C-alpha cells in the first residue's frame, strides 16, 4: 500500500464490499447496503431492513481479508456490528544487519466495529461508530481505537449526498512507539437518472496520502442482475474496476475485480442476506384548539384503526402524539363538553410526523323567554320562575308586561316552575328544550282555583251534540290548559236556552246539555290523553241562564259550554 511506513494499520483503508470496490470505491452515498457500516455510518439510519454479510478479499501473495457483520434496523435506529480479520503467513525474517534470519513469522490484524445510525429528519440521517484495533507485525503488537462519524441527505429517492470522517483517534501504540491512524474525510453523491441506473461519485482525503477521486455506475437488469463499473484516481494509482451482482429474495451475491497497477488485481466476493423489512411508518400529533380563541383544549379523541382507542389530549398543550403508525388514511372523532363534536381524518405519510390541528366550535348559549298571563283575561301576572337543568337559578316576570327572560344558558333540557306572586293562582311546571344559539319562547297562562271560563266559539249543530268545525280550535286551547296544569280537576258544564226539545235521542234540554258536555269531555280525553278522572261532564239544561231567553241574542249566550276548575 502507498501508506506503508506513513500511517498505521493500512487495513483501515481497505475497500470492504465487492459492490463498493466495483464502483471504484465511490460508496459514501450508499444507504441501502449493509456495507454502509464500514463506509459511512451516517447512511445506516436510512436502511429499512436488517442484513447479515460476510466477505472475502483475495490479495497479492497470501494476504487474506475477512469481514463479517450485521446491521439491525429498528424503530429506534439502525445498529451495526462487524469484525475484520486480515493475516498473512510465512513472513521472512531479517536481522539488524540486513541478513536473513532463521525461521519465519506471521502478521495479522483485527478490527471490532460497533456503529449506530438514526434519522433525525425525513431526509437526513446521522451516525457514528467506534473501532477497536489490534495489529500484530512479527513480534510487535499495536492497539488502539478509532471513531467514524457521518451524515446523509436524501434530496429525493434517486439523489443523495453524504459526508463522513473515518478513522480519527489517538495514534496506535506499538510498545514504546506510536503511529498515526489513516484519518480520512470523504464526500460523496449519487444520482439515478433512471430507476435502474445509478451513478456514484466520491472525493476523499487521507492524511499523509492526499486526495482520491472515484466514480462508478450501477445498472440493474430486471432488479435481479447488476453490472458495475468504476474508476479510481489516487496517488500513484489510476485504474478501472468492474463487478457483477445477483439479487434474489433478499439474498445478495456480489463479485468485484479491482486492479492495483503493477501489483496486479484483486478479487472480492460478498454474500449477504436481508430480513426484517421495516414497513414504512409515520407519526401524528393531534392538537385541539378553540376555534375562536385558538387556546388549547383538553378533549377526548376516539381514533379508528390502527390506534383504535380513546385518548385525552394534554391539559396544557391540547395535543396527543403517536409514533410508528402504518401508512394510510385514519379517522377520528373529537369531543369536549360545551363544544360541538367533530369528525376528522388525516393521511399518515412515511417518515413524517404530521401535525393535525382540530378546531372545535363552542356551542353557543341559548335562552328562554316568555310571558306569564291570566288564562282568561290575558293580563300580565307577576311570578317567580325557577329553572333547573345544566344550570339552575330563578328569575321574575315583569309586573307590568309579564315578560321573563333566562339568557345565556347552555343548551339542553330545563324544567321551569312558575310560582304566582298573586294568591289564588295555580302554579305551573313545564319542560323546555333550549337549542344552541336560540332563544326558546315559553308562555305560561295561569288559572285561578275555581275559575270559570265560558268556551266562546264552541258550538253544536242545532238539536244535536255534534261539534261544528270551528269549535275544535277553541277546544285545543282548552286541552293546552289541561296539559299545562296536570293537577287540576275540571267540570265541563253544558247549558241550553229555554226552547223546548223533544226528540227520540234527546227528550229534553237536560239530556241535550249532558250529551254536549260528554262530547267535549271525550274529545279532550282522546286528543290530549287527559286522565278521565280529571274531567267531569255535567249538563244543566236551561237551569243556569246568564242572559234573557226573550231575545235571540240572549238565547245564544245561554247556549254555552263552561270550563270550571273544581280542584
Protein backbone atom coordinates (compact mmCIF):
# COMPACT_ATOMS: atom_id res chain seq x y z
CA UNK A 1 0.00 0.00 0.00
CA UNK A 2 1.14 3.56 -0.61
CA UNK A 3 0.54 4.24 3.10
CA UNK A 4 3.14 1.77 4.30
CA UNK A 5 5.50 3.46 6.67
CA UNK A 6 3.44 6.65 6.92
CA UNK A 7 0.30 5.61 8.86
CA UNK A 8 -0.56 2.60 10.98
CA UNK A 9 -2.97 -0.23 10.25
CA UNK A 10 -3.47 0.08 6.46
CA UNK A 11 -6.34 -2.37 6.91
CA UNK A 12 -8.47 0.66 7.78
CA UNK A 13 -8.08 1.80 4.17
CA UNK A 14 -9.29 -1.45 2.64
CA UNK A 15 -12.35 -1.30 0.39
CA UNK A 16 -14.62 -3.83 2.04
CA UNK A 17 -17.69 -4.71 -0.04
CA UNK A 18 -17.45 -6.11 -3.54
CA UNK A 19 -20.13 -3.67 -4.66
CA UNK A 20 -18.12 -0.69 -3.38
CA UNK A 21 -14.93 -1.97 -4.99
CA UNK A 22 -16.57 -2.47 -8.37
CA UNK A 23 -17.80 1.15 -8.23
CA UNK A 24 -14.27 2.47 -7.81
CA UNK A 25 -14.83 2.86 -4.05
CA UNK A 26 -17.38 5.63 -4.69
CA UNK A 27 -19.62 4.43 -1.91
CA UNK A 28 -20.02 7.19 0.67
CA UNK A 29 -23.52 7.99 -0.61
CA UNK A 30 -24.85 4.44 -0.42
CA UNK A 31 -27.59 3.91 2.14
CA UNK A 32 -29.32 0.65 1.19
CA UNK A 33 -26.45 -1.78 1.78
CA UNK A 34 -25.03 -3.42 4.90
CA UNK A 35 -21.61 -2.18 3.85
CA UNK A 36 -22.58 1.32 4.98
CA UNK A 37 -21.48 0.06 8.38
CA UNK A 38 -17.91 0.29 7.06
CA UNK A 39 -18.17 3.21 4.66
CA UNK A 40 -20.43 5.76 6.32
CA UNK A 41 -22.45 5.13 9.48
CA UNK A 42 -24.45 8.25 8.61
CA UNK A 43 -26.14 6.30 5.81
CA UNK A 44 -27.17 3.46 8.12
CA UNK A 45 -30.06 5.44 9.54
CA UNK A 46 -31.88 5.26 6.20
CA UNK A 47 -31.76 1.47 6.00
CA UNK A 48 -35.15 -0.20 6.30
CA UNK A 49 -34.08 -3.81 6.64
CA UNK A 50 -31.73 -5.98 8.64
CA UNK A 51 -28.79 -7.54 6.85
CA UNK A 52 -26.06 -10.01 7.68
CA UNK A 53 -22.95 -10.31 5.48
CA UNK A 54 -19.57 -11.94 5.01
CA UNK A 55 -16.86 -11.01 2.53
CA UNK A 56 -13.53 -12.40 1.46
CA UNK A 57 -10.73 -10.46 -0.25
CA UNK A 58 -8.02 -12.31 -2.11
CA UNK A 59 -4.97 -10.09 -2.21
CA UNK A 60 -1.45 -10.42 -3.56
CA UNK A 61 0.68 -13.33 -2.45
CA UNK A 62 -1.02 -14.98 0.55
CA UNK A 63 -2.85 -11.99 2.01
CA UNK A 64 -6.44 -12.69 3.04
CA UNK A 65 -9.06 -10.35 4.49
CA UNK A 66 -12.39 -11.35 6.02
CA UNK A 67 -15.19 -9.12 7.12
CA UNK A 68 -18.21 -10.47 8.98
CA UNK A 69 -21.00 -8.32 10.29
CA UNK A 70 -24.65 -7.40 10.52
CA UNK A 71 -26.89 -4.36 10.72
CA UNK A 72 -30.19 -4.35 12.58
CA UNK A 73 -32.89 -1.88 11.55
CA UNK A 74 -35.31 -0.93 14.34
CA UNK A 75 -37.78 1.85 15.02
CA UNK A 76 -35.18 3.32 17.37
CA UNK A 77 -32.46 3.47 14.74
CA UNK A 78 -30.06 1.11 12.98
CA UNK A 79 -27.40 -0.76 14.93
CA UNK A 80 -24.38 -2.40 13.36
CA UNK A 81 -21.55 -4.66 14.46
CA UNK A 82 -18.65 -6.00 12.39
CA UNK A 83 -15.43 -7.98 12.77
CA UNK A 84 -12.45 -7.73 10.40
CA UNK A 85 -9.54 -10.13 10.20
CA UNK A 86 -6.53 -9.80 7.97
CA UNK A 87 -3.47 -12.04 8.01
CA UNK A 88 -0.50 -13.45 6.15
CA UNK A 89 1.84 -16.30 7.00
CA UNK A 90 5.43 -17.13 6.06
CA UNK A 91 6.98 -13.69 6.54
CA UNK A 92 10.77 -13.93 6.03
CA UNK A 93 12.84 -12.58 8.90
CA UNK A 94 15.96 -10.39 8.55
CA UNK A 95 18.34 -9.27 11.25
CA UNK A 96 19.51 -5.74 12.01
CA UNK A 97 22.50 -6.15 9.58
CA UNK A 98 20.01 -6.98 6.85
CA UNK A 99 20.91 -10.67 6.75
CA UNK A 100 18.35 -13.45 6.53
CA UNK A 101 17.39 -14.81 9.95
CA UNK A 102 16.24 -18.26 10.83
CA UNK A 103 12.57 -19.20 10.51
CA UNK A 104 9.63 -17.06 9.51
CA UNK A 105 6.72 -15.39 11.23
CA UNK A 106 3.27 -14.01 10.53
CA UNK A 107 1.27 -10.77 10.72
CA UNK A 108 -2.41 -10.29 11.48
CA UNK A 109 -4.84 -7.53 12.33
CA UNK A 110 -8.27 -7.39 13.99
CA UNK A 111 -10.91 -4.70 13.97
CA UNK A 112 -14.07 -4.88 16.07
CA UNK A 113 -16.60 -2.34 14.90
CA UNK A 114 -19.79 -1.02 16.54
CA UNK A 115 -21.94 1.68 14.93
CA UNK A 116 -25.33 3.36 15.14
CA UNK A 117 -27.30 5.46 12.67
CA UNK A 118 -30.59 7.27 13.02
CA UNK A 119 -32.90 9.52 11.08
CA UNK A 120 -33.24 12.99 12.53
CA UNK A 121 -35.49 14.15 9.73
CA UNK A 122 -37.39 12.55 6.90
CA UNK A 123 -34.43 13.18 4.57
CA UNK A 124 -31.48 13.38 6.96
CA UNK A 125 -29.63 10.65 8.77
CA UNK A 126 -26.59 10.81 11.05
CA UNK A 127 -24.46 8.11 12.58
CA UNK A 128 -21.30 7.25 14.37
CA UNK A 129 -19.19 4.30 15.32
CA UNK A 130 -16.13 3.10 17.16
CA UNK A 131 -13.47 0.61 16.06
CA UNK A 132 -11.29 -1.32 18.45
CA UNK A 133 -7.95 -2.03 16.76
CA UNK A 134 -5.31 -4.72 17.15
CA UNK A 135 -2.30 -5.05 14.81
CA UNK A 136 0.49 -7.61 15.15
CA UNK A 137 3.58 -7.50 12.93
CA UNK A 138 6.02 -10.29 13.80
CA UNK A 139 6.84 -9.57 17.45
CA UNK A 140 5.27 -6.11 17.68
CA UNK A 141 1.63 -5.63 18.63
CA UNK A 142 -0.22 -2.38 18.49
CA UNK A 143 -3.62 -1.48 19.93
CA UNK A 144 -5.88 1.49 19.70
CA UNK A 145 -9.30 2.73 18.76
CA UNK A 146 -10.80 4.96 16.12
CA UNK A 147 -14.07 6.79 15.51
CA UNK A 148 -16.29 7.26 12.49
CA UNK A 149 -18.99 9.94 12.13
CA UNK A 150 -21.11 10.76 9.11
CA UNK A 151 -24.30 12.14 7.72
CA UNK A 152 -26.59 11.62 4.76
CA UNK A 153 -29.05 13.87 2.99
CA UNK A 154 -31.59 12.28 0.66
CA UNK A 155 -32.82 15.01 -1.67
CA UNK A 156 -35.03 12.53 -3.44
CA UNK A 157 -35.09 8.78 -3.72
CA UNK A 158 -32.70 8.88 -6.67
CA UNK A 159 -30.45 11.71 -5.44
CA UNK A 160 -28.37 11.73 -2.28
CA UNK A 161 -25.38 13.50 -0.73
CA UNK A 162 -23.20 12.25 2.09
CA UNK A 163 -20.09 13.03 4.06
CA UNK A 164 -18.09 11.34 6.78
CA UNK A 165 -14.89 11.40 8.76
CA UNK A 166 -13.38 7.96 9.28
CA UNK A 167 -10.62 6.52 11.43
CA UNK A 168 -9.89 9.51 13.61
CA UNK A 169 -8.47 8.93 17.06
CA UNK A 170 -5.24 8.71 19.04
CA UNK A 171 -2.15 7.12 17.43
CA UNK A 172 -1.73 3.35 17.52
CA UNK A 173 0.76 2.27 20.15
CA UNK A 174 3.34 -0.41 19.36
CA UNK A 175 5.15 -0.74 22.64
CA UNK A 176 7.06 2.49 23.17
CA UNK A 177 6.43 3.76 19.66
CA UNK A 178 3.25 5.09 18.10
CA UNK A 179 1.89 5.75 14.63
CA UNK A 180 -0.91 7.92 13.37
CA UNK A 181 -4.11 6.45 12.04
CA UNK A 182 -5.10 6.95 8.38
CA UNK A 183 -7.80 9.54 9.12
CA UNK A 184 -10.00 10.07 6.09
CA UNK A 185 -12.52 12.74 5.08
CA UNK A 186 -14.99 11.68 2.41
CA UNK A 187 -17.75 13.40 0.45
CA UNK A 188 -19.98 11.56 -1.97
CA UNK A 189 -23.10 11.77 -4.05
CA UNK A 190 -25.38 9.58 -6.08
CA UNK A 191 -27.65 10.34 -8.97
CA UNK A 192 -30.15 7.97 -10.53
CA UNK A 193 -31.19 9.28 -13.94
CA UNK A 194 -33.30 6.15 -14.32
CA UNK A 195 -34.69 3.78 -11.72
CA UNK A 196 -32.36 1.03 -12.96
CA UNK A 197 -29.20 3.14 -13.32
CA UNK A 198 -27.32 4.96 -10.55
CA UNK A 199 -24.08 6.94 -10.76
CA UNK A 200 -21.90 7.32 -7.65
CA UNK A 201 -19.06 9.79 -7.08
CA UNK A 202 -16.63 10.28 -4.19
CA UNK A 203 -13.90 12.71 -3.22
CA UNK A 204 -11.73 11.78 -0.25
CA UNK A 205 -8.67 12.99 1.56
CA UNK A 206 -6.37 10.85 3.72
CA UNK A 207 -3.69 12.36 5.91
CA UNK A 208 -0.14 11.90 4.53
CA UNK A 209 -1.60 10.50 1.30
CA UNK A 210 -3.68 13.12 -0.40
CA UNK A 211 -6.85 13.28 -2.45
CA UNK A 212 -8.67 10.48 -4.22
CA UNK A 213 -11.47 10.79 -6.75
CA UNK A 214 -13.81 7.92 -7.59
CA UNK A 215 -16.77 7.39 -9.87
CA UNK A 216 -18.95 4.36 -10.52
CA UNK A 217 -22.03 3.31 -12.43
CA UNK A 218 -24.51 0.58 -11.49
CA UNK A 219 -27.04 -0.82 -13.96
CA UNK A 220 -29.73 -3.27 -12.92
CA UNK A 221 -31.50 -5.68 -15.22
CA UNK A 222 -35.00 -6.61 -14.03
CA UNK A 223 -33.85 -5.88 -10.47
CA UNK A 224 -32.07 -9.24 -10.41
CA UNK A 225 -28.67 -8.80 -12.08
CA UNK A 226 -26.45 -5.72 -11.81
CA UNK A 227 -23.40 -4.69 -13.81
CA UNK A 228 -20.99 -2.24 -12.18
CA UNK A 229 -18.09 -0.19 -13.47
CA UNK A 230 -15.81 2.20 -11.68
CA UNK A 231 -12.70 4.34 -11.87
CA UNK A 232 -10.42 5.41 -9.07
CA UNK A 233 -7.77 8.10 -9.35
CA UNK A 234 -5.35 8.03 -6.41
CA UNK A 235 -1.72 8.66 -5.55
CA UNK A 236 0.40 6.61 -7.98
CA UNK A 237 -2.66 4.56 -8.81
CA UNK A 238 -5.28 5.02 -11.53
CA UNK A 239 -7.26 2.01 -12.50
CA UNK A 240 -10.61 0.68 -13.66
CA UNK A 241 -12.84 -1.65 -11.68
CA UNK A 242 -15.83 -3.74 -12.55
CA UNK A 243 -18.17 -6.27 -10.97
CA UNK A 244 -21.44 -8.07 -11.06
CA UNK A 245 -24.23 -8.58 -8.56
CA UNK A 246 -27.10 -11.03 -8.26
CA UNK A 247 -30.13 -10.49 -6.04
CA UNK A 248 -32.87 -12.97 -5.29
CA UNK A 249 -35.42 -12.99 -2.44
CA UNK A 250 -33.19 -10.92 -0.16
CA UNK A 251 -30.01 -12.87 -0.93
CA UNK A 252 -27.13 -10.89 -2.49
CA UNK A 253 -24.02 -12.27 -4.16
CA UNK A 254 -21.50 -9.71 -5.42
CA UNK A 255 -18.18 -10.05 -7.16
CA UNK A 256 -15.61 -7.35 -7.94
CA UNK A 257 -12.27 -7.12 -9.65
CA UNK A 258 -10.03 -4.15 -8.95
CA UNK A 259 -6.63 -3.51 -10.41
CA UNK A 260 -3.69 -2.20 -8.40
CA UNK A 261 -1.26 -1.18 -11.11
CA UNK A 262 1.92 -3.21 -11.30
CA UNK A 263 0.82 -5.19 -8.24
CA UNK A 264 -1.89 -6.85 -10.26
CA UNK A 265 -5.55 -7.32 -9.48
CA UNK A 266 -7.66 -8.36 -6.52
CA UNK A 267 -10.84 -10.37 -6.32
CA UNK A 268 -13.61 -9.70 -3.85
CA UNK A 269 -16.68 -11.76 -3.03
CA UNK A 270 -19.57 -10.57 -0.88
CA UNK A 271 -22.51 -12.60 0.36
CA UNK A 272 -25.37 -11.08 2.32
CA UNK A 273 -28.90 -11.83 3.36
CA UNK A 274 -31.68 -9.32 4.07
CA UNK A 275 -34.53 -9.85 6.52
CA UNK A 276 -36.89 -7.96 8.80
CA UNK A 277 -38.04 -5.31 6.34
CA UNK A 278 -39.44 -2.37 8.29
CA UNK A 279 -42.77 -1.31 6.93
CA UNK A 280 -42.98 2.44 6.33
CA UNK A 281 -44.49 4.30 9.24
CA UNK A 282 -45.28 7.84 10.17
CA UNK A 283 -46.25 9.87 13.17
CA UNK A 284 -49.20 12.01 14.13
CA UNK A 285 -49.77 14.87 16.52
CA UNK A 286 -53.36 15.91 17.01
CA UNK A 287 -53.82 19.30 18.64
CA UNK A 288 -57.25 20.51 19.69
CA UNK A 289 -57.92 24.23 19.99
CA UNK A 290 -60.85 26.58 20.44
CA UNK A 291 -61.92 27.79 17.01
CA UNK A 292 -62.26 31.39 18.18
CA UNK A 293 -59.68 31.93 20.93
CA UNK A 294 -57.12 29.46 19.49
CA UNK A 295 -56.40 28.27 23.02
CA UNK A 296 -55.51 24.57 23.52
CA UNK A 297 -58.29 22.33 24.79
CA UNK A 298 -58.21 19.05 26.64
CA UNK A 299 -60.58 16.83 24.70
CA UNK A 300 -61.49 13.19 24.23
CA UNK A 301 -60.40 11.75 20.89
CA UNK A 302 -61.76 8.45 19.65
CA UNK A 303 -59.45 7.01 17.00
CA UNK A 304 -60.31 4.39 14.45
CA UNK A 305 -57.91 1.71 13.36
CA UNK A 306 -54.97 1.19 13.74
CA UNK A 307 -54.95 3.13 17.04
CA UNK A 308 -58.49 2.00 17.84
CA UNK A 309 -58.81 3.58 21.28
CA UNK A 310 -59.89 6.70 23.13
CA UNK A 311 -57.31 9.14 24.46
CA UNK A 312 -57.43 12.53 26.16
CA UNK A 313 -55.27 15.39 24.97
CA UNK A 314 -52.82 17.11 27.28
CA UNK A 315 -54.47 19.70 29.51
CA UNK A 316 -51.76 22.29 28.80
CA UNK A 317 -50.87 21.77 25.14
CA UNK A 318 -54.17 20.28 23.95
CA UNK A 319 -52.25 17.66 21.96
CA UNK A 320 -51.54 13.96 21.83
CA UNK A 321 -48.71 12.27 19.89
CA UNK A 322 -48.38 8.87 18.23
CA UNK A 323 -45.36 7.24 16.64
CA UNK A 324 -44.84 4.34 14.23
CA UNK A 325 -48.29 4.40 12.66
CA UNK A 326 -48.91 2.46 9.45
CA UNK A 327 -49.24 4.49 6.29
CA UNK A 328 -52.72 5.37 5.11
CA UNK A 329 -55.94 7.14 5.98
CA UNK A 330 -57.08 7.33 9.58
CA UNK A 331 -60.25 8.82 11.01
CA UNK A 332 -61.05 10.10 14.47
CA UNK A 333 -63.72 11.94 16.42
CA UNK A 334 -63.09 14.77 18.89
CA UNK A 335 -65.46 15.55 21.73
CA UNK A 336 -65.45 18.05 24.56
CA UNK A 337 -68.15 19.26 26.88
CA UNK A 338 -69.74 22.54 25.77
CA UNK A 339 -68.34 22.14 22.24
CA UNK A 340 -69.74 20.63 19.08
CA UNK A 341 -68.19 17.21 18.39
CA UNK A 342 -66.13 16.98 15.23
CA UNK A 343 -65.21 14.05 13.00
CA UNK A 344 -62.00 14.40 11.04
CA UNK A 345 -59.35 12.36 9.26
CA UNK A 346 -55.76 12.58 8.13
CA UNK A 347 -53.28 10.68 6.00
CA UNK A 348 -50.26 9.12 7.68
CA UNK A 349 -47.22 9.63 5.45
CA UNK A 350 -43.88 7.77 5.55
CA UNK A 351 -41.22 9.18 7.85
CA UNK A 352 -43.28 12.26 8.67
CA UNK A 353 -44.83 13.29 11.97
CA UNK A 354 -47.86 15.19 10.78
CA UNK A 355 -49.46 17.91 12.87
CA UNK A 356 -53.23 17.90 12.63
CA UNK A 357 -54.96 20.87 14.24
CA UNK A 358 -58.62 20.36 15.07
CA UNK A 359 -60.66 23.47 15.76
CA UNK A 360 -63.68 22.91 17.96
CA UNK A 361 -66.58 25.31 17.80
CA UNK A 362 -68.02 26.20 21.16
CA UNK A 363 -71.72 25.53 21.49
CA UNK A 364 -73.30 28.99 21.76
CA UNK A 365 -75.56 29.61 24.76
CA UNK A 366 -79.30 29.72 24.36
CA UNK A 367 -82.11 31.20 26.36
CA UNK A 368 -85.75 31.10 27.37
CA UNK A 369 -88.19 33.96 27.42
CA UNK A 370 -91.93 34.36 27.52
CA UNK A 371 -94.91 35.85 29.33
CA UNK A 372 -96.85 34.94 32.44
CA UNK A 373 -100.51 35.90 31.96
CA UNK A 374 -104.01 35.13 33.21
CA UNK A 375 -105.54 32.37 31.10
CA UNK A 376 -108.93 34.07 30.97
CA UNK A 377 -108.17 37.79 30.85
CA UNK A 378 -104.72 37.53 29.18
CA UNK A 379 -103.47 40.19 31.58
CA UNK A 380 -99.81 40.06 32.76
CA UNK A 381 -99.06 38.40 36.10
CA UNK A 382 -96.09 38.73 38.44
CA UNK A 383 -94.44 35.37 39.14
CA UNK A 384 -91.18 33.73 40.19
CA UNK A 385 -89.72 31.32 37.62
CA UNK A 386 -87.34 28.65 38.91
CA UNK A 387 -85.29 26.80 36.29
CA UNK A 388 -83.34 23.58 36.73
CA UNK A 389 -81.11 21.78 34.21
CA UNK A 390 -77.47 22.17 33.22
CA UNK A 391 -77.75 25.49 35.01
CA UNK A 392 -80.04 26.31 37.92
CA UNK A 393 -81.47 29.61 39.04
CA UNK A 394 -84.51 31.80 39.30
CA UNK A 395 -85.92 34.95 37.77
CA UNK A 396 -89.10 37.03 37.93
CA UNK A 397 -91.64 38.14 35.37
CA UNK A 398 -92.12 41.87 34.93
CA UNK A 399 -95.08 43.13 36.94
CA UNK A 400 -96.25 45.35 34.09
CA UNK A 401 -95.61 43.28 30.99
CA UNK A 402 -95.46 39.81 32.49
CA UNK A 403 -92.30 39.11 30.48
CA UNK A 404 -89.49 36.99 31.93
CA UNK A 405 -86.04 36.21 30.48
CA UNK A 406 -83.48 33.49 31.17
CA UNK A 407 -80.47 34.22 28.97
CA UNK A 408 -77.02 32.77 28.28
CA UNK A 409 -77.60 29.25 29.48
CA UNK A 410 -76.18 26.13 27.92
CA UNK A 411 -78.28 24.14 25.52
CA UNK A 412 -80.21 21.25 26.99
CA UNK A 413 -83.44 20.40 28.75
CA UNK A 414 -84.66 22.60 31.58
CA UNK A 415 -87.59 22.30 33.97
CA UNK A 416 -89.36 25.60 34.65
CA UNK A 417 -91.55 26.01 37.73
CA UNK A 418 -93.79 29.10 37.85
CA UNK A 419 -94.85 30.33 41.28
CA UNK A 420 -97.52 33.05 41.02
CA UNK A 421 -96.99 36.10 43.22
CA UNK A 422 -100.78 36.64 43.48
CA UNK A 423 -102.70 34.21 45.66
CA UNK A 424 -105.38 32.05 44.14
CA UNK A 425 -103.47 31.09 41.00
CA UNK A 426 -102.31 27.54 40.44
CA UNK A 427 -98.51 27.04 39.96
CA UNK A 428 -97.34 25.53 36.68
CA UNK A 429 -94.40 23.42 35.61
CA UNK A 430 -93.07 22.74 32.12
CA UNK A 431 -90.05 21.19 30.38
CA UNK A 432 -88.30 23.35 27.83
CA UNK A 433 -85.62 22.31 25.32
CA UNK A 434 -83.02 25.03 24.81
CA UNK A 435 -81.22 24.89 21.47
CA UNK A 436 -77.71 26.27 20.85
CA UNK A 437 -77.72 29.92 19.89
CA UNK A 438 -81.51 30.15 20.04
CA UNK A 439 -83.95 31.71 22.47
CA UNK A 440 -86.88 29.41 23.10
CA UNK A 441 -90.26 31.03 23.77
CA UNK A 442 -92.42 29.57 26.52
CA UNK A 443 -95.52 31.40 27.74
CA UNK A 444 -97.42 30.45 30.88
CA UNK A 445 -101.18 31.02 31.17
CA UNK A 446 -102.10 30.69 34.82
CA UNK A 447 -105.53 29.75 36.02
CA UNK A 448 -107.23 30.53 39.32
CA UNK A 449 -108.70 27.98 41.63
CA UNK A 450 -112.48 27.96 40.97
CA UNK A 451 -112.01 29.72 37.65
CA UNK A 452 -114.99 29.55 35.27
CA UNK A 453 -114.27 30.07 31.60
CA UNK A 454 -117.01 30.27 29.01
CA UNK A 455 -115.78 28.50 25.91
CA UNK A 456 -116.89 31.05 23.37
CA UNK A 457 -116.92 29.62 19.88
CA UNK A 458 -117.70 26.07 20.92
CA UNK A 459 -120.96 25.35 19.06
CA UNK A 460 -123.08 22.36 18.12
CA UNK A 461 -125.41 21.51 15.32
CA UNK A 462 -128.99 22.51 16.14
CA UNK A 463 -130.70 19.96 18.35
CA UNK A 464 -127.60 17.71 18.33
CA UNK A 465 -124.44 17.01 20.32
CA UNK A 466 -122.24 17.22 17.22
CA UNK A 467 -119.47 19.87 17.31
CA UNK A 468 -119.25 22.35 14.48
CA UNK A 469 -115.84 22.54 12.72
CA UNK A 470 -114.89 25.93 14.17
CA UNK A 471 -115.20 24.54 17.70
CA UNK A 472 -112.07 22.39 17.56
CA UNK A 473 -109.62 25.30 17.66
CA UNK A 474 -111.19 26.56 20.91
CA UNK A 475 -111.15 23.08 22.44
CA UNK A 476 -107.48 22.70 21.53
CA UNK A 477 -106.74 25.76 23.66
CA UNK A 478 -108.66 24.11 26.50
CA UNK A 479 -106.60 20.97 26.02
CA UNK A 480 -103.42 23.02 26.35
CA UNK A 481 -104.64 24.45 29.68
CA UNK A 482 -105.22 20.91 30.94
CA UNK A 483 -101.78 19.79 29.80
CA UNK A 484 -100.07 22.82 31.34
CA UNK A 485 -101.91 22.24 34.62
CA UNK A 486 -101.72 18.47 35.10
CA UNK A 487 -103.01 18.54 38.69
CA UNK A 488 -106.31 20.39 38.27
CA UNK A 489 -109.73 18.75 38.07
CA UNK A 490 -112.30 20.36 35.79
CA UNK A 491 -116.03 20.23 35.27
CA UNK A 492 -117.25 20.55 31.69
CA UNK A 493 -120.67 22.16 32.09
CA UNK A 494 -123.25 22.09 29.28
CA UNK A 495 -126.04 24.70 29.06
CA UNK A 496 -129.00 25.35 26.72
CA UNK A 497 -131.62 28.01 26.21
CA UNK A 498 -135.24 27.51 27.24
CA UNK A 499 -136.54 26.46 23.85
CA UNK A 500 -138.11 23.01 24.43
CA UNK A 501 -136.74 19.95 22.60
CA UNK A 502 -138.29 16.55 22.31
CA UNK A 503 -136.68 14.05 20.02
CA UNK A 504 -136.09 10.34 20.15
CA UNK A 505 -132.44 10.98 21.07
CA UNK A 506 -132.91 13.95 23.40
CA UNK A 507 -136.25 14.08 25.21
CA UNK A 508 -135.37 17.42 26.90
CA UNK A 509 -132.73 20.15 27.22
CA UNK A 510 -131.14 18.47 30.25
CA UNK A 511 -130.32 15.38 28.18
CA UNK A 512 -129.05 17.54 25.30
CA UNK A 513 -126.75 19.59 27.54
CA UNK A 514 -125.39 16.42 29.19
CA UNK A 515 -124.64 14.89 25.78
CA UNK A 516 -122.90 18.04 24.63
CA UNK A 517 -120.74 18.14 27.80
CA UNK A 518 -119.86 14.45 27.24
CA UNK A 519 -118.87 15.21 23.65
CA UNK A 520 -116.41 17.92 24.78
CA UNK A 521 -115.04 15.67 27.54
CA UNK A 522 -114.46 12.76 25.17
CA UNK A 523 -112.69 14.99 22.64
CA UNK A 524 -110.26 16.31 25.27
CA UNK A 525 -109.55 12.83 26.65
CA UNK A 526 -108.89 11.28 23.25
CA UNK A 527 -106.82 14.06 21.72
CA UNK A 528 -104.80 15.23 24.70
CA UNK A 529 -104.63 11.97 26.62
CA UNK A 530 -106.15 13.56 29.69
CA UNK A 531 -106.85 11.17 32.59
CA UNK A 532 -110.65 10.60 32.58
CA UNK A 533 -110.91 11.17 36.33
CA UNK A 534 -109.74 14.76 35.84
CA UNK A 535 -112.79 15.67 33.71
CA UNK A 536 -116.38 15.65 34.89
CA UNK A 537 -119.20 16.23 32.33
CA UNK A 538 -122.35 17.82 33.73
CA UNK A 539 -125.43 19.01 31.87
CA UNK A 540 -127.51 21.82 33.38
CA UNK A 541 -130.04 22.35 30.57
CA UNK A 542 -131.72 25.75 30.79
CA UNK A 543 -131.45 25.99 34.61
CA UNK A 544 -128.45 28.42 34.74
CA UNK A 545 -129.05 31.16 32.17
CA UNK A 546 -126.66 34.12 32.02
CA UNK A 547 -128.91 36.24 29.80
CA UNK A 548 -132.58 36.69 28.99
CA UNK A 549 -134.15 33.98 26.89
CA UNK A 550 -136.63 36.51 25.44
CA UNK A 551 -134.26 37.62 22.67
CA UNK A 552 -132.27 35.63 20.11
CA UNK A 553 -129.08 37.22 21.41
CA UNK A 554 -129.82 36.20 25.00
CA UNK A 555 -130.68 32.65 23.99
CA UNK A 556 -127.40 32.42 22.02
CA UNK A 557 -125.45 33.40 25.14
CA UNK A 558 -127.27 30.80 27.21
CA UNK A 559 -126.32 28.03 24.77
CA UNK A 560 -122.77 27.54 26.03
CA UNK A 561 -120.12 25.21 27.45
CA UNK A 562 -118.20 26.23 30.57
CA UNK A 563 -114.78 25.18 31.89
CA UNK A 564 -114.89 25.13 35.70
CA UNK A 565 -111.85 24.41 37.92
CA UNK A 566 -113.26 22.41 40.81
CA UNK A 567 -109.97 21.17 42.40
